Amino acid sequence: MDKTIIKIKWAKRWKTTVIMTWVHGNERSWINVFTELINKIEIENWILFLILWNPNAIKKNIRFIEKDLNRCFRKKITWKTYEDKRAIKIREILKKADYLLDIHNTINPSDAFLISEWKEIAKIFPVKKIVSGFDLLHPWGSDSYMNNIWKIWLCIECWNIGSKIWEKIAKTSIINFLKYTWNIVWKPIIFKNQNFMKFDYIYKSKTNTFILNKKFKDFEKIKKWQIVWYDWEEIVRSYKNWYIIFSKSCNEKWSEAFALWNTIK
């Protein structure tokens, strides 16, 4: 029995809901919320799966073992890394799922935000910022997989790693999500005054020596012609005003270094 995949079943099966976390093994804030969820929550309808994505990376407290698990959800998985094999197993559950909530921490200082293509559902999450378009920029994530088979995928980024606020955001999001999906028969709380942003561009390092000019906060504004990064000996400036997210220095060619957008809806 795989203890990292927990199935909670209720007799009145209508649909299947999945909550996943720890796709990156160093996002360890989830452990307290996960333990409390298993011990206390009572599901009244449907089938619920709780999945720990990457148990080997969790044990070593590293982001992944061989490759980013959240880039392994191709239509046909041909590579055979540890993460590929894990993705194949998880994908069999996702094929039958109707809803997926993916829970993360951010690497950089950041308020909580939601990644979603579903504006109406976004209102049940305790965040001010909703971003979209990411599934098109990295087409092998779980988001693209679910959206391509016409299922609902949402990802909550619950503050940065180690933040005490993280637990509160995660608990509220999970309970509200379970209410929205009728796993718990109560109406979810609705949050207002949210800003919607769409990703326009993702940069991948061209060399194995990619260094950011500074440590950027998520959603930090970058001014036109500002020096943003050094890709080996190339100094790269922004050619317009942008907002940056998920920025990090990289030591491997073609790594995802950051994403940008310049539209707020």
C-alpha atoms as a PDB file:
ATOM      1  CA  MET A   1       0.000   0.000   0.000  1.00  0.00           C
ATOM      2  CA  ASP A   2       1.317   3.438  -0.954  1.00  0.00           C
ATOM      3  CA  LYS A   3       1.077   5.578   2.193  1.00  0.00           C
ATOM      4  CA  THR A   4       1.702   8.742   0.142  1.00  0.00           C
ATOM      5  CA  ILE A   5      -1.637   8.313  -1.657  1.00  0.00           C
ATOM      6  CA  ILE A   6      -4.567   8.346   0.754  1.00  0.00           C
ATOM      7  CA  LYS A   7      -8.092   7.621  -0.478  1.00  0.00           C
ATOM      8  CA  ILE A   8     -11.084   8.799   1.569  1.00  0.00           C
ATOM      9  CA  LYS A   9     -14.302   7.305   0.218  1.00  0.00           C
ATOM     10  CA  TRP A  10     -17.940   8.092   0.941  1.00  0.00           C
ATOM     11  CA  ALA A  11     -20.836   5.899  -0.199  1.00  0.00           C
ATOM     12  CA  LYS A  12     -22.583   8.662  -2.166  1.00  0.00           C
ATOM     13  CA  ARG A  13     -19.992   8.808  -4.931  1.00  0.00           C
ATOM     14  CA  TRP A  14     -20.680  11.642  -7.366  1.00  0.00           C
ATOM     15  CA  LYS A  15     -17.272  12.840  -8.425  1.00  0.00           C
ATOM     16  CA  THR A  16     -13.601  12.622  -7.424  1.00  0.00           C
ATOM     17  CA  THR A  17     -11.547  15.391  -5.810  1.00  0.00           C
ATOM     18  CA  VAL A  18      -7.754  15.384  -5.447  1.00  0.00           C
ATOM     19  CA  ILE A  19      -5.600  17.502  -3.126  1.00  0.00           C
ATOM     20  CA  MET A  20      -1.859  17.245  -3.771  1.00  0.00           C
ATOM     21  CA  THR A  21       1.199  18.787  -2.180  1.00  0.00           C
ATOM     22  CA  TRP A  22       4.979  18.469  -1.923  1.00  0.00           C
ATOM     23  CA  VAL A  23       5.589  18.303  -5.656  1.00  0.00           C
ATOM     24  CA  HIS A  24       8.844  19.936  -4.536  1.00  0.00           C
ATOM     25  CA  GLY A  25      10.358  18.152  -1.559  1.00  0.00           C
ATOM     26  CA  ASN A  26      11.760  21.273   0.131  1.00  0.00           C
ATOM     27  CA  GLU A  27       8.328  22.885   0.576  1.00  0.00           C
ATOM     28  CA  ARG A  28       7.958  21.328   4.014  1.00  0.00           C
ATOM     29  CA  SER A  29       5.461  23.704   5.621  1.00  0.00           C
ATOM     30  CA  TRP A  30       2.638  21.419   4.537  1.00  0.00           C
ATOM     31  CA  ILE A  31       3.298  18.639   7.076  1.00  0.00           C
ATOM     32  CA  ASN A  32       1.271  20.125   9.969  1.00  0.00           C
ATOM     33  CA  VAL A  33      -1.727  20.898   7.753  1.00  0.00           C
ATOM     34  CA  PHE A  34      -1.636  17.442   6.161  1.00  0.00           C
ATOM     35  CA  THR A  35      -1.579  15.667   9.532  1.00  0.00           C
ATOM     36  CA  GLU A  36      -4.464  17.744  10.857  1.00  0.00           C
ATOM     37  CA  LEU A  37      -6.496  17.241   7.681  1.00  0.00           C
ATOM     38  CA  ILE A  38      -6.220  13.437   7.847  1.00  0.00           C
ATOM     39  CA  ASN A  39      -7.110  13.266  11.537  1.00  0.00           C
ATOM     40  CA  LYS A  40      -9.978  15.762  11.748  1.00  0.00           C
ATOM     41  CA  ILE A  41     -11.767  16.267   8.450  1.00  0.00           C
ATOM     42  CA  GLU A  42     -14.980  14.365   7.774  1.00  0.00           C
ATOM     43  CA  ILE A  43     -15.895  13.937   4.114  1.00  0.00           C
ATOM     44  CA  GLU A  44     -19.648  13.763   3.484  1.00  0.00           C
ATOM     45  CA  ASN A  45     -19.745  13.202  -0.285  1.00  0.00           C
ATOM     46  CA  TRP A  46     -17.660  12.045  -3.236  1.00  0.00           C
ATOM     47  CA  ILE A  47     -14.193  10.480  -3.211  1.00  0.00           C
ATOM     48  CA  LEU A  48     -11.171  12.432  -1.989  1.00  0.00           C
ATOM     49  CA  PHE A  49      -7.526  11.618  -2.660  1.00  0.00           C
ATOM     50  CA  LEU A  50      -4.728  13.218  -0.612  1.00  0.00           C
ATOM     51  CA  ILE A  51      -1.405  12.821  -2.409  1.00  0.00           C
ATOM     52  CA  LEU A  52       2.173  13.585  -1.405  1.00  0.00           C
ATOM     53  CA  TRP A  53       3.768  14.057  -4.817  1.00  0.00           C
ATOM     54  CA  ASN A  54       7.459  13.378  -4.337  1.00  0.00           C
ATOM     55  CA  PRO A  55       8.222  11.284  -1.199  1.00  0.00           C
ATOM     56  CA  ASN A  56      11.902  10.628  -2.022  1.00  0.00           C
ATOM     57  CA  ALA A  57      12.586  14.360  -2.406  1.00  0.00           C
ATOM     58  CA  ILE A  58      10.657  15.014   0.818  1.00  0.00           C
ATOM     59  CA  LYS A  59      12.960  12.641   2.733  1.00  0.00           C
ATOM     60  CA  LYS A  60      16.058  14.444   1.426  1.00  0.00           C
ATOM     61  CA  ASN A  61      14.533  17.944   1.771  1.00  0.00           C
ATOM     62  CA  ILE A  62      15.444  18.817  -1.833  1.00  0.00           C
ATOM     63  CA  ARG A  63      13.336  20.187  -4.675  1.00  0.00           C
ATOM     64  CA  PHE A  64      13.464  16.982  -6.739  1.00  0.00           C
ATOM     65  CA  ILE A  65      15.582  13.842  -7.280  1.00  0.00           C
ATOM     66  CA  GLU A  66      16.254  13.860 -11.041  1.00  0.00           C
ATOM     67  CA  LYS A  67      13.856  16.367 -12.628  1.00  0.00           C
ATOM     68  CA  ASP A  68      10.993  18.693 -11.707  1.00  0.00           C
ATOM     69  CA  LEU A  69       7.984  16.422 -11.150  1.00  0.00           C
ATOM     70  CA  ASN A  70       5.638  19.205 -12.188  1.00  0.00           C
ATOM     71  CA  ARG A  71       7.119  19.106 -15.706  1.00  0.00           C
ATOM     72  CA  CYS A  72       6.591  15.359 -16.188  1.00  0.00           C
ATOM     73  CA  PHE A  73       2.936  15.249 -17.235  1.00  0.00           C
ATOM     74  CA  ARG A  74       3.412  14.755 -20.964  1.00  0.00           C
ATOM     75  CA  LYS A  75       0.728  12.997 -22.991  1.00  0.00           C
ATOM     76  CA  LYS A  76       3.194  10.156 -23.474  1.00  0.00           C
ATOM     77  CA  ILE A  77       5.875   9.765 -20.808  1.00  0.00           C
ATOM     78  CA  THR A  78       8.916   8.106 -22.389  1.00  0.00           C
ATOM     79  CA  TRP A  79      11.706   8.989 -19.940  1.00  0.00           C
ATOM     80  CA  LYS A  80      12.212   6.738 -16.924  1.00  0.00           C
ATOM     81  CA  THR A  81      13.482   8.934 -14.115  1.00  0.00           C
ATOM     82  CA  TYR A  82      12.084   8.551 -10.619  1.00  0.00           C
ATOM     83  CA  GLU A  83       9.842  11.574 -11.204  1.00  0.00           C
ATOM     84  CA  ASP A  84       8.561  10.181 -14.531  1.00  0.00           C
ATOM     85  CA  LYS A  85       7.500   6.952 -12.830  1.00  0.00           C
ATOM     86  CA  ARG A  86       5.817   8.923 -10.072  1.00  0.00           C
ATOM     87  CA  ALA A  87       3.968  11.066 -12.648  1.00  0.00           C
ATOM     88  CA  ILE A  88       2.657   7.952 -14.416  1.00  0.00           C
ATOM     89  CA  LYS A  89       1.209   6.679 -11.131  1.00  0.00           C
ATOM     90  CA  ILE A  90      -0.365  10.026 -10.207  1.00  0.00           C
ATOM     91  CA  ARG A  91      -1.718  10.576 -13.715  1.00  0.00           C
ATOM     92  CA  GLU A  92      -3.855   7.425 -13.416  1.00  0.00           C
ATOM     93  CA  ILE A  93      -5.663   9.065 -10.499  1.00  0.00           C
ATOM     94  CA  LEU A  94      -5.939  12.442 -12.239  1.00  0.00           C
ATOM     95  CA  LYS A  95      -7.597  10.825 -15.270  1.00  0.00           C
ATOM     96  CA  LYS A  96     -10.564   9.948 -13.055  1.00  0.00           C
ATOM     97  CA  ALA A  97     -10.549  13.179 -11.059  1.00  0.00           C
ATOM     98  CA  ASP A  98     -12.920  16.104 -11.564  1.00  0.00           C
ATOM     99  CA  TYR A  99     -11.075  18.645  -9.405  1.00  0.00           C
ATOM    100  CA  LEU A 100      -7.435  19.062  -8.441  1.00  0.00           C
ATOM    101  CA  LEU A 101      -6.047  21.455  -5.836  1.00  0.00           C
ATOM    102  CA  ASP A 102      -2.251  21.654  -5.827  1.00  0.00           C
ATOM    103  CA  ILE A 103      -0.628  23.253  -2.768  1.00  0.00           C
ATOM    104  CA  HIS A 104       2.768  24.993  -2.817  1.00  0.00           C
ATOM    105  CA  ASN A 105       5.111  27.381  -1.034  1.00  0.00           C
ATOM    106  CA  THR A 106       6.924  30.105  -2.957  1.00  0.00           C
ATOM    107  CA  ILE A 107      10.722  30.270  -3.116  1.00  0.00           C
ATOM    108  CA  ASN A 108      10.845  34.078  -2.931  1.00  0.00           C
ATOM    109  CA  PRO A 109       9.163  36.496  -0.510  1.00  0.00           C
ATOM    110  CA  SER A 110       5.544  36.704  -1.622  1.00  0.00           C
ATOM    111  CA  ASP A 111       1.962  37.127  -0.521  1.00  0.00           C
ATOM    112  CA  ALA A 112      -0.276  34.126  -1.118  1.00  0.00           C
ATOM    113  CA  PHE A 113      -1.693  33.902  -4.645  1.00  0.00           C
ATOM    114  CA  LEU A 114      -3.674  31.507  -6.820  1.00  0.00           C
ATOM    115  CA  ILE A 115      -2.804  30.105 -10.250  1.00  0.00           C
ATOM    116  CA  SER A 116      -6.041  29.392 -12.072  1.00  0.00           C
ATOM    117  CA  GLU A 117      -7.882  29.678 -15.374  1.00  0.00           C
ATOM    118  CA  TRP A 118     -11.203  29.643 -13.471  1.00  0.00           C
ATOM    119  CA  LYS A 119     -12.146  33.138 -12.272  1.00  0.00           C
ATOM    120  CA  GLU A 120     -15.362  32.182 -10.511  1.00  0.00           C
ATOM    121  CA  ILE A 121     -13.744  29.424  -8.445  1.00  0.00           C
ATOM    122  CA  ALA A 122     -10.884  31.798  -7.549  1.00  0.00           C
ATOM    123  CA  LYS A 123     -13.300  33.732  -5.320  1.00  0.00           C
ATOM    124  CA  ILE A 124     -13.257  30.976  -2.691  1.00  0.00           C
ATOM    125  CA  PHE A 125      -9.526  31.427  -2.009  1.00  0.00           C
ATOM    126  CA  PRO A 126      -8.145  33.944   0.543  1.00  0.00           C
ATOM    127  CA  VAL A 127      -5.854  35.753  -1.921  1.00  0.00           C
ATOM    128  CA  LYS A 128      -5.710  39.110  -3.672  1.00  0.00           C
ATOM    129  CA  LYS A 129      -3.826  37.981  -6.779  1.00  0.00           C
ATOM    130  CA  ILE A 130      -4.945  35.435  -9.387  1.00  0.00           C
ATOM    131  CA  VAL A 131      -2.539  34.564 -12.209  1.00  0.00           C
ATOM    132  CA  SER A 132      -3.259  32.593 -15.374  1.00  0.00           C
ATOM    133  CA  GLY A 133      -1.620  31.538 -18.637  1.00  0.00           C
ATOM    134  CA  PHE A 134       1.015  29.419 -16.955  1.00  0.00           C
ATOM    135  CA  ASP A 135      -0.207  26.129 -18.434  1.00  0.00           C
ATOM    136  CA  LEU A 136       0.624  27.422 -21.925  1.00  0.00           C
ATOM    137  CA  LEU A 137       4.133  28.463 -20.881  1.00  0.00           C
ATOM    138  CA  HIS A 138       5.078  25.056 -19.472  1.00  0.00           C
ATOM    139  CA  PRO A 139       2.776  22.551 -21.214  1.00  0.00           C
ATOM    140  CA  TRP A 140       3.957  19.490 -19.226  1.00  0.00           C
ATOM    141  CA  GLY A 141       2.700  20.510 -15.795  1.00  0.00           C
ATOM    142  CA  SER A 142      -0.270  19.005 -13.966  1.00  0.00           C
ATOM    143  CA  ASP A 143      -2.175  22.209 -14.784  1.00  0.00           C
ATOM    144  CA  SER A 144      -1.862  21.673 -18.544  1.00  0.00           C
ATOM    145  CA  TYR A 145      -2.702  18.006 -18.153  1.00  0.00           C
ATOM    146  CA  MET A 146      -5.939  18.690 -16.266  1.00  0.00           C
ATOM    147  CA  ASN A 147      -6.970  21.620 -18.465  1.00  0.00           C
ATOM    148  CA  ASN A 148      -6.384  19.565 -21.623  1.00  0.00           C
ATOM    149  CA  ILE A 149      -8.790  16.863 -20.460  1.00  0.00           C
ATOM    150  CA  TRP A 150     -11.347  19.521 -19.437  1.00  0.00           C
ATOM    151  CA  LYS A 151     -10.956  19.057 -15.704  1.00  0.00           C
ATOM    152  CA  ILE A 152     -10.574  21.808 -13.103  1.00  0.00           C
ATOM    153  CA  TRP A 153      -7.061  22.519 -11.759  1.00  0.00           C
ATOM    154  CA  LEU A 154      -6.096  25.144  -9.198  1.00  0.00           C
ATOM    155  CA  CYS A 155      -2.795  25.870  -7.481  1.00  0.00           C
ATOM    156  CA  ILE A 156      -2.527  27.855  -4.267  1.00  0.00           C
ATOM    157  CA  GLU A 157       0.885  29.379  -3.492  1.00  0.00           C
ATOM    158  CA  CYS A 158       0.689  29.835   0.279  1.00  0.00           C
ATOM    159  CA  TRP A 159       3.390  32.391   1.047  1.00  0.00           C
ATOM    160  CA  ASN A 160       7.096  31.614   1.051  1.00  0.00           C
ATOM    161  CA  ILE A 161       8.746  28.579   2.649  1.00  0.00           C
ATOM    162  CA  GLY A 162       8.851  28.787   6.444  1.00  0.00           C
ATOM    163  CA  SER A 163       6.209  31.503   6.814  1.00  0.00           C
ATOM    164  CA  LYS A 164       3.877  31.054   9.802  1.00  0.00           C
ATOM    165  CA  ILE A 165       1.023  32.560   7.779  1.00  0.00           C
ATOM    166  CA  TRP A 166       1.312  29.644   5.353  1.00  0.00           C
ATOM    167  CA  GLU A 167      -0.645  27.209   7.550  1.00  0.00           C
ATOM    168  CA  LYS A 168      -3.604  29.556   7.946  1.00  0.00           C
ATOM    169  CA  ILE A 169      -3.789  30.198   4.182  1.00  0.00           C
ATOM    170  CA  ALA A 170      -3.516  26.461   3.407  1.00  0.00           C
ATOM    171  CA  LYS A 171      -6.210  25.425   5.909  1.00  0.00           C
ATOM    172  CA  THR A 172      -8.681  28.072   4.746  1.00  0.00           C
ATOM    173  CA  SER A 173      -8.058  27.164   1.100  1.00  0.00           C
ATOM    174  CA  ILE A 174      -8.501  23.420   1.660  1.00  0.00           C
ATOM    175  CA  ILE A 175     -11.684  23.712   3.730  1.00  0.00           C
ATOM    176  CA  ASN A 176     -13.223  26.213   1.308  1.00  0.00           C
ATOM    177  CA  PHE A 177     -12.254  24.036  -1.657  1.00  0.00           C
ATOM    178  CA  LEU A 178     -13.862  20.965  -0.041  1.00  0.00           C
ATOM    179  CA  LYS A 179     -17.024  22.974   0.586  1.00  0.00           C
ATOM    180  CA  TYR A 180     -17.098  24.183  -3.014  1.00  0.00           C
ATOM    181  CA  THR A 181     -16.718  20.620  -4.320  1.00  0.00           C
ATOM    182  CA  TRP A 182     -19.465  19.339  -1.980  1.00  0.00           C
ATOM    183  CA  ASN A 183     -17.103  17.116  -0.020  1.00  0.00           C
ATOM    184  CA  ILE A 184     -18.231  19.160   2.984  1.00  0.00           C
ATOM    185  CA  VAL A 185     -21.857  20.306   2.867  1.00  0.00           C
ATOM    186  CA  TRP A 186     -21.456  23.970   3.793  1.00  0.00           C
ATOM    187  CA  LYS A 187     -21.207  27.074   1.652  1.00  0.00           C
ATOM    188  CA  PRO A 188     -17.642  28.349   1.081  1.00  0.00           C
ATOM    189  CA  ILE A 189     -16.557  31.833   2.097  1.00  0.00           C
ATOM    190  CA  ILE A 190     -16.372  34.263  -0.844  1.00  0.00           C
ATOM    191  CA  PHE A 191     -13.432  36.701  -1.117  1.00  0.00           C
ATOM    192  CA  LYS A 192     -13.654  39.954  -3.079  1.00  0.00           C
ATOM    193  CA  ASN A 193     -11.402  42.619  -4.641  1.00  0.00           C
ATOM    194  CA  GLN A 194      -9.088  40.210  -6.453  1.00  0.00           C
ATOM    195  CA  ASN A 195      -6.664  41.234  -9.211  1.00  0.00           C
ATOM    196  CA  PHE A 196      -6.292  38.998 -12.281  1.00  0.00           C
ATOM    197  CA  MET A 197      -2.942  38.779 -14.072  1.00  0.00           C
ATOM    198  CA  LYS A 198      -1.964  36.762 -17.143  1.00  0.00           C
ATOM    199  CA  PHE A 199       1.554  35.437 -17.755  1.00  0.00           C
ATOM    200  CA  ASP A 200       3.078  36.541 -21.043  1.00  0.00           C
ATOM    201  CA  TYR A 201       6.597  35.146 -21.070  1.00  0.00           C
ATOM    202  CA  ILE A 202       8.871  32.608 -19.440  1.00  0.00           C
ATOM    203  CA  TYR A 203      12.661  32.832 -19.678  1.00  0.00           C
ATOM    204  CA  LYS A 204      14.880  29.743 -19.826  1.00  0.00           C
ATOM    205  CA  SER A 205      18.603  30.058 -19.203  1.00  0.00           C
ATOM    206  CA  LYS A 206      20.768  29.846 -22.320  1.00  0.00           C
ATOM    207  CA  THR A 207      23.878  28.745 -20.426  1.00  0.00           C
ATOM    208  CA  ASN A 208      24.695  26.880 -17.213  1.00  0.00           C
ATOM    209  CA  THR A 209      25.696  30.131 -15.505  1.00  0.00           C
ATOM    210  CA  PHE A 210      22.555  32.227 -15.076  1.00  0.00           C
ATOM    211  CA  ILE A 211      22.626  34.836 -12.289  1.00  0.00           C
ATOM    212  CA  LEU A 212      19.908  37.319 -11.369  1.00  0.00           C
ATOM    213  CA  ASN A 213      21.054  40.901 -10.892  1.00  0.00           C
ATOM    214  CA  LYS A 214      19.294  40.924  -7.487  1.00  0.00           C
ATOM    215  CA  LYS A 215      16.839  38.861  -5.461  1.00  0.00           C
ATOM    216  CA  PHE A 216      13.371  39.771  -6.704  1.00  0.00           C
ATOM    217  CA  LYS A 217      10.160  39.462  -4.733  1.00  0.00           C
ATOM    218  CA  ASP A 218       7.277  37.811  -6.529  1.00  0.00           C
ATOM    219  CA  PHE A 219       5.160  40.479  -8.287  1.00  0.00           C
ATOM    220  CA  GLU A 220       7.973  43.013  -8.124  1.00  0.00           C
ATOM    221  CA  LYS A 221       7.834  45.583 -10.923  1.00  0.00           C
ATOM    222  CA  ILE A 222      10.767  45.735 -13.352  1.00  0.00           C
ATOM    223  CA  LYS A 223      11.315  48.995 -15.192  1.00  0.00           C
ATOM    224  CA  LYS A 224      12.129  49.323 -18.859  1.00  0.00           C
ATOM    225  CA  TRP A 225      15.894  48.923 -19.574  1.00  0.00           C
ATOM    226  CA  GLN A 226      16.590  47.717 -16.031  1.00  0.00           C
ATOM    227  CA  ILE A 227      19.369  45.092 -15.815  1.00  0.00           C
ATOM    228  CA  VAL A 228      17.622  41.899 -14.719  1.00  0.00           C
ATOM    229  CA  TRP A 229      20.101  39.053 -15.206  1.00  0.00           C
ATOM    230  CA  TYR A 230      23.454  37.819 -16.472  1.00  0.00           C
ATOM    231  CA  ASP A 231      23.431  34.744 -18.701  1.00  0.00           C
ATOM    232  CA  TRP A 232      27.138  33.850 -18.692  1.00  0.00           C
ATOM    233  CA  GLU A 233      28.764  37.012 -20.104  1.00  0.00           C
ATOM    234  CA  GLU A 234      25.584  38.468 -21.596  1.00  0.00           C
ATOM    235  CA  ILE A 235      24.017  41.368 -19.685  1.00  0.00           C
ATOM    236  CA  VAL A 236      20.256  41.340 -20.274  1.00  0.00           C
ATOM    237  CA  ARG A 237      17.934  44.291 -19.749  1.00  0.00           C
ATOM    238  CA  SER A 238      14.160  44.416 -19.747  1.00  0.00           C
ATOM    239  CA  TYR A 239      12.823  45.970 -22.957  1.00  0.00           C
ATOM    240  CA  LYS A 240       9.539  47.068 -21.329  1.00  0.00           C
ATOM    241  CA  ASN A 241       7.877  47.418 -17.919  1.00  0.00           C
ATOM    242  CA  TRP A 242       7.127  43.969 -16.495  1.00  0.00           C
ATOM    243  CA  TYR A 243       6.167  42.179 -13.298  1.00  0.00           C
ATOM    244  CA  ILE A 244       8.370  39.224 -12.329  1.00  0.00           C
ATOM    245  CA  ILE A 245       7.586  35.963 -10.554  1.00  0.00           C
ATOM    246  CA  PHE A 246       9.310  32.642  -9.706  1.00  0.00           C
ATOM    247  CA  SER A 247      12.777  34.131 -10.258  1.00  0.00           C
ATOM    248  CA  LYS A 248      15.899  32.166  -9.373  1.00  0.00           C
ATOM    249  CA  SER A 249      19.531  31.785 -10.423  1.00  0.00           C
ATOM    250  CA  CYS A 250      20.276  28.576 -12.357  1.00  0.00           C
ATOM    251  CA  ASN A 251      23.311  26.379 -12.962  1.00  0.00           C
ATOM    252  CA  GLU A 252      21.825  24.278 -15.749  1.00  0.00           C
ATOM    253  CA  LYS A 253      21.090  25.246 -19.351  1.00  0.00           C
ATOM    254  CA  TRP A 254      17.387  25.617 -20.329  1.00  0.00           C
ATOM    255  CA  SER A 255      16.233  25.907 -16.720  1.00  0.00           C
ATOM    256  CA  GLU A 256      13.125  28.013 -16.050  1.00  0.00           C
ATOM    257  CA  ALA A 257      14.603  31.150 -14.553  1.00  0.00           C
ATOM    258  CA  PHE A 258      11.562  33.409 -14.164  1.00  0.00           C
ATOM    259  CA  ALA A 259       8.223  34.389 -15.677  1.00  0.00           C
ATOM    260  CA  LEU A 260       6.996  37.854 -16.675  1.00  0.00           C
ATOM    261  CA  TRP A 261       3.753  39.611 -17.485  1.00  0.00           C
ATOM    262  CA  ASN A 262       2.692  43.199 -18.120  1.00  0.00           C
ATOM    263  CA  THR A 263      -1.100  43.049 -17.950  1.00  0.00           C
ATOM    264  CA  ILE A 264      -3.346  43.338 -14.921  1.00  0.00           C
ATOM    265  CA  LYS A 265      -7.050  42.736 -15.558  1.00  0.00           C
END
